[in-house]
Protein backbone atom coordinates (compact mmCIF):
# COMPACT_ATOMS: atom_id res chain seq x y z
CA MET A 1 65.50 47.90 -19.99
CA ALA A 2 65.79 48.98 -16.40
CA ASP A 3 62.63 49.23 -14.34
CA THR A 4 61.74 52.92 -14.15
CA ASN A 5 58.43 52.57 -12.29
CA VAL A 6 58.13 55.11 -9.51
CA ALA A 7 55.47 54.97 -6.78
CA LEU A 8 54.07 58.48 -6.50
CA THR A 9 53.05 59.48 -3.00
CA THR A 10 53.36 63.27 -3.16
CA SER A 11 53.25 65.95 -5.85
CA LYS A 12 55.02 69.26 -5.29
CA GLY A 13 55.23 70.46 -8.86
CA GLY A 14 51.70 69.68 -10.03
CA ILE A 15 51.25 68.60 -13.65
CA ASN A 16 54.20 69.56 -15.86
CA ARG A 17 54.17 68.64 -19.54
CA GLN A 18 57.45 70.30 -20.39
CA ARG A 19 60.21 67.96 -21.36
CA THR A 20 63.08 68.09 -18.88
CA LYS A 21 66.60 66.77 -19.25
CA GLY A 22 67.30 63.62 -17.34
CA GLY A 23 63.70 62.34 -17.40
CA ALA A 24 60.56 63.17 -15.50
CA LEU A 25 60.77 64.54 -12.01
CA GLU A 26 59.66 62.23 -9.25
CA ASP A 27 57.60 64.91 -7.48
CA SER A 28 55.70 66.22 -10.52
CA LEU A 29 53.24 64.72 -12.97
CA TYR A 30 52.83 64.68 -16.72
CA ASP A 31 49.24 63.46 -16.32
CA LEU A 32 47.04 61.95 -13.62
CA VAL A 33 44.34 59.42 -14.48
CA ASN A 34 41.95 57.79 -12.01
CA GLY A 35 43.46 59.65 -9.10
CA TYR A 36 43.47 63.00 -7.34
CA ILE A 37 45.75 65.20 -5.23
CA THR A 38 44.73 66.09 -1.71
CA ARG A 39 45.27 69.47 -0.03
CA SER A 40 48.31 68.04 1.67
CA LYS A 41 49.79 67.27 -1.79
CA THR A 42 49.40 63.49 -1.39
CA ILE A 43 48.15 61.40 -4.29
CA LYS A 44 45.10 59.17 -3.82
CA VAL A 45 43.76 56.57 -6.20
CA ARG A 46 40.20 57.40 -7.19
CA PRO A 47 37.78 54.59 -6.22
CA GLY A 48 36.52 52.65 -9.21
CA SER A 49 33.26 50.80 -9.84
CA VAL A 50 32.88 47.46 -8.12
CA ARG A 51 30.84 44.73 -9.79
CA THR A 52 28.43 43.29 -7.23
CA HIS A 53 26.03 41.42 -9.54
CA ASP A 54 26.25 39.72 -12.90
CA LEU A 55 23.04 40.01 -14.93
CA ALA A 56 23.44 37.71 -17.92
CA ASP A 57 22.37 38.87 -21.36
CA ASP A 58 20.14 35.82 -21.67
CA THR A 59 18.73 34.88 -18.27
CA GLU A 60 17.54 31.28 -18.20
CA GLY A 61 17.95 30.89 -21.92
CA ASP A 62 15.15 33.02 -23.34
CA SER A 63 13.99 35.62 -20.80
CA PRO A 64 16.55 38.41 -20.40
CA THR A 65 15.96 41.15 -17.87
CA LYS A 66 16.01 44.75 -19.02
CA GLY A 67 16.90 48.03 -17.34
CA LEU A 68 18.45 48.77 -13.96
CA VAL A 69 17.29 51.41 -11.48
CA ALA A 70 17.95 52.04 -7.79
CA TYR A 71 14.71 52.27 -5.82
CA ASN A 72 13.66 51.66 -2.23
CA GLY A 73 17.15 50.61 -1.17
CA ALA A 74 17.61 47.97 -3.89
CA LEU A 75 18.54 47.57 -7.54
CA ASN A 76 15.49 46.84 -9.71
CA VAL A 77 15.33 45.09 -13.09
CA PHE A 78 12.40 44.30 -15.37
CA CYS A 79 11.13 41.34 -17.38
CA HIS A 80 7.89 40.17 -18.99
CA THR A 81 7.98 36.88 -17.06
CA ASP A 82 9.36 35.37 -13.87
CA VAL A 83 13.08 34.70 -14.16
CA GLU A 84 15.90 34.01 -11.75
CA VAL A 85 17.92 37.04 -10.65
CA PRO A 86 20.89 37.30 -8.28
CA SER A 87 20.34 37.81 -4.57
CA GLY A 88 20.00 41.52 -3.84
CA ILE A 89 18.26 42.30 -7.15
CA VAL A 90 14.50 43.00 -7.22
CA LEU A 91 12.64 41.65 -10.26
CA ASN A 92 9.61 43.61 -11.51
CA ILE A 93 7.37 41.79 -13.99
CA ILE A 94 5.67 44.09 -16.49
CA THR A 95 3.59 42.67 -19.31
CA HIS A 96 2.15 44.01 -22.52
CA PRO A 97 -1.68 44.25 -22.36
CA ASP A 98 -1.97 41.85 -25.30
CA GLN A 99 0.36 39.23 -23.86
CA THR A 100 -1.06 35.75 -23.27
CA PRO A 101 0.55 32.57 -21.92
CA ASP A 102 0.75 31.28 -25.49
CA ASN A 103 1.94 34.58 -26.93
CA PRO A 104 4.57 36.21 -24.68
CA ILE A 105 5.78 39.65 -25.73
CA PRO A 106 9.29 40.26 -24.33
CA ILE A 107 10.58 43.68 -23.36
CA GLN A 108 12.91 45.19 -25.93
CA GLU A 109 14.02 48.24 -23.95
CA ILE A 110 13.31 50.16 -20.78
CA ASN A 111 12.99 53.75 -21.96
CA PHE A 112 12.55 55.33 -18.54
CA ALA A 113 12.36 54.21 -14.91
CA ALA A 114 12.28 56.46 -11.85
CA PRO A 115 10.33 56.90 -8.59
CA PHE A 116 7.10 58.86 -8.96
CA MET A 117 4.68 59.53 -6.08
CA GLY A 118 6.14 56.72 -3.99
CA TYR A 119 6.31 54.01 -6.67
CA LEU A 120 8.34 53.25 -9.79
CA TYR A 121 7.09 54.79 -13.03
CA VAL A 122 8.34 52.78 -16.02
CA ALA A 123 8.11 53.27 -19.77
CA ALA A 124 8.98 50.12 -21.73
CA THR A 125 9.14 49.27 -25.43
CA PHE A 126 8.18 45.70 -26.28
CA THR A 127 9.39 43.56 -29.16
CA ASN A 128 6.21 44.34 -31.11
CA GLY A 129 7.36 47.97 -31.23
CA GLU A 130 4.73 49.35 -28.84
CA CYS A 131 5.68 51.49 -25.83
CA GLN A 132 3.63 50.94 -22.66
CA HIS A 133 3.66 52.89 -19.40
CA PHE A 134 3.44 51.39 -15.91
CA TRP A 135 3.10 52.70 -12.37
CA LEU A 136 4.27 49.83 -10.18
CA GLN A 137 2.23 50.12 -7.01
CA GLY A 138 3.40 47.83 -4.25
CA GLY A 139 1.85 46.63 -1.02
CA ASP A 140 2.50 44.94 2.27
CA GLU A 141 3.73 41.37 2.41
CA TRP A 142 0.93 38.78 2.47
CA GLU A 143 -0.03 37.54 5.93
CA ALA A 144 -2.14 34.55 6.94
CA GLU A 145 -5.49 35.02 8.68
CA THR A 146 -5.71 38.63 7.45
CA VAL A 147 -8.76 40.37 6.03
CA TYR A 148 -8.08 42.06 2.70
CA LYS A 149 -10.61 44.45 1.19
CA LEU A 150 -11.38 45.34 -2.39
CA GLY A 151 -8.42 47.16 -3.93
CA ASP A 152 -5.87 46.14 -1.28
CA ILE A 153 -2.46 45.28 -2.76
CA VAL A 154 -0.18 42.60 -1.33
CA VAL A 155 3.11 41.03 -2.40
CA PRO A 156 4.06 37.38 -1.85
CA SER A 157 6.22 36.47 1.15
CA VAL A 158 8.60 34.94 -1.40
CA PRO A 159 8.96 37.71 -4.02
CA ASN A 160 8.17 36.72 -7.60
CA GLY A 161 8.14 40.15 -9.23
CA LEU A 162 4.36 40.57 -8.98
CA ALA A 163 1.94 42.39 -6.71
CA PHE A 164 -1.66 41.23 -6.28
CA GLN A 165 -4.77 43.37 -5.86
CA ALA A 166 -7.93 42.10 -4.17
CA GLN A 167 -10.82 41.87 -6.62
CA ARG A 168 -14.47 40.91 -6.27
CA LEU A 169 -15.28 37.32 -7.27
CA THR A 170 -19.09 37.54 -7.31
CA ASP A 171 -21.66 39.85 -8.85
CA PRO A 172 -22.98 42.70 -6.69
CA ASN A 173 -26.09 42.06 -4.61
CA PRO A 174 -29.07 44.46 -4.93
CA ALA A 175 -28.25 47.89 -3.54
CA TRP A 176 -30.29 49.32 -0.68
CA ALA A 177 -33.38 51.21 -1.82
CA ALA A 178 -36.17 52.95 0.05
CA ASN A 179 -39.54 51.27 0.66
CA VAL A 180 -38.60 47.81 -0.64
CA SER A 181 -40.15 44.61 0.75
CA ARG A 182 -37.88 42.61 3.03
CA ALA A 183 -37.82 38.90 3.84
CA LEU A 184 -35.56 36.74 5.94
CA SER A 185 -32.22 35.93 4.26
CA ASP A 186 -32.50 38.82 1.79
CA VAL A 187 -29.01 40.11 0.98
CA ILE A 188 -28.37 43.74 0.11
CA GLU A 189 -25.43 46.12 -0.15
CA PRO A 190 -25.07 49.82 0.62
CA THR A 191 -25.53 52.21 -2.28
CA GLU A 192 -21.88 53.18 -1.75
CA TYR A 193 -19.72 50.06 -1.64
CA ASN A 194 -18.00 49.54 1.73
CA ASP A 195 -16.62 45.95 1.43
CA PHE A 196 -19.61 44.42 3.27
CA TYR A 197 -22.99 42.96 2.41
CA TYR A 198 -25.91 42.66 4.82
CA THR A 199 -28.34 39.78 5.37
CA VAL A 200 -31.83 40.14 6.85
CA VAL A 201 -31.88 38.03 10.03
CA GLU A 202 -35.15 39.26 11.59
CA THR A 203 -38.26 41.16 10.47
CA GLN A 204 -41.28 42.65 12.26
CA GLY A 205 -44.85 43.14 11.08
CA ASP A 206 -46.92 41.62 8.31
CA ASN A 207 -45.39 43.72 5.56
CA PRO A 208 -41.72 44.41 6.44
CA ARG A 209 -40.06 46.97 4.21
CA SER A 210 -36.95 49.11 4.07
CA GLY A 211 -37.08 52.60 5.49
CA SER A 212 -37.22 55.97 3.80
CA THR A 213 -33.59 56.83 4.69
CA GLU A 214 -30.57 54.62 4.15
CA PRO A 215 -29.13 53.51 7.51
CA VAL A 216 -25.57 54.01 8.66
CA TRP A 217 -23.98 50.67 7.87
CA PRO A 218 -21.64 49.13 10.47
CA THR A 219 -18.35 47.82 9.11
CA GLU A 220 -17.52 45.16 11.65
CA ASP A 221 -18.10 41.48 10.99
CA GLY A 222 -21.24 40.32 12.81
CA ALA A 223 -22.52 43.80 13.68
CA GLN A 224 -26.25 44.49 13.27
CA VAL A 225 -28.24 47.47 12.05
CA PHE A 226 -31.94 48.20 12.72
CA GLU A 227 -34.05 49.86 10.04
CA ASP A 228 -37.39 51.60 10.68
CA ALA A 229 -39.97 51.67 7.92
CA ASP A 230 -43.50 52.96 7.48
CA GLY A 231 -44.56 50.93 4.41
CA ALA A 232 -45.22 52.17 0.87
CA ALA A 233 -45.08 51.05 -2.75
CA ASP A 234 -42.34 48.75 -3.98
CA THR A 235 -39.24 50.22 -5.60
CA PRO A 236 -37.44 48.10 -8.22
CA PRO A 237 -34.10 46.80 -6.89
CA SER A 238 -30.83 48.20 -8.21
CA PHE A 239 -27.30 46.88 -7.87
CA THR A 240 -24.22 48.33 -6.24
CA GLU A 241 -21.71 49.42 -8.87
CA MET A 242 -18.02 48.66 -8.44
CA PRO A 243 -15.60 49.69 -7.09
CA ASP A 244 -17.64 52.32 -5.25
CA THR A 245 -21.06 53.72 -6.07
CA SER A 246 -23.82 55.97 -5.07
CA VAL A 247 -26.77 54.41 -6.79
CA VAL A 248 -30.35 54.31 -5.51
CA PRO A 249 -31.41 55.39 -2.01
CA SER A 250 -34.75 55.17 0.11
CA PRO A 251 -37.72 53.05 2.21
CA GLY A 252 -39.45 51.29 5.64
CA ILE A 253 -40.45 48.74 8.90
CA ALA A 254 -37.95 47.52 11.46
CA ASP A 255 -35.55 45.14 9.70
CA ARG A 256 -32.48 43.76 11.33
CA PHE A 257 -29.36 43.07 9.30
CA ARG A 258 -26.11 41.28 9.93
CA ASN A 259 -23.06 42.20 7.84
CA ILE A 260 -20.56 39.71 6.46
CA PHE A 261 -17.24 40.64 4.86
CA ARG A 262 -16.83 39.50 1.28
CA ARG A 263 -13.37 38.72 -0.02
């Protein structure tokens, strides 16, 4: 059979599905697939999809990624554990609340993923049949010699799919209260948490006490605050609630405090 392939560069007759004697005309079309005709009657091939990444069905043997969504200038995928992904793909680790190291619960399906209020909102169904919802807040990249306060979120300098939020490691110290006895080295915290605690470094008088009005607490490491008091009955200590509180105010005699940041 003779080769009847014709390279179409122009189309003057449009699409014509009528049968014509002598074969199809070279300047008309019976059909056009994956292409389009310009205003100047030239024929252009329509650009197709280009594969840039290959996400295997079974990444690293037993931890497949799920879902794919464009966000923040990158393609994002999801998994219940840290797995290897191609360069240019961002891995987001989302875990079922009941998952433990000895009892992983893989993701069965990503039901929904889209930006919401600056971060990705994701709904995922796990292999136990439960659907969980996530709002994937991110943060700045971790930096050395940097002070991080309660609630701050950072991501590792080498991404691993996780973000980390600063949490308190110790129990709250007694919250400031009015008319409470003070002694050197006493440690207290404001009634409304501000990331600092304050240590008594100097007292005056035979019966030093806190004042009747809570002082304005400085929030610089090493800063000092002076408290005037007039003396009165003791008030039982309370404790600052987390993450922020307004519990217990009050009492009095010049106490001097130094604040120290707690990580």
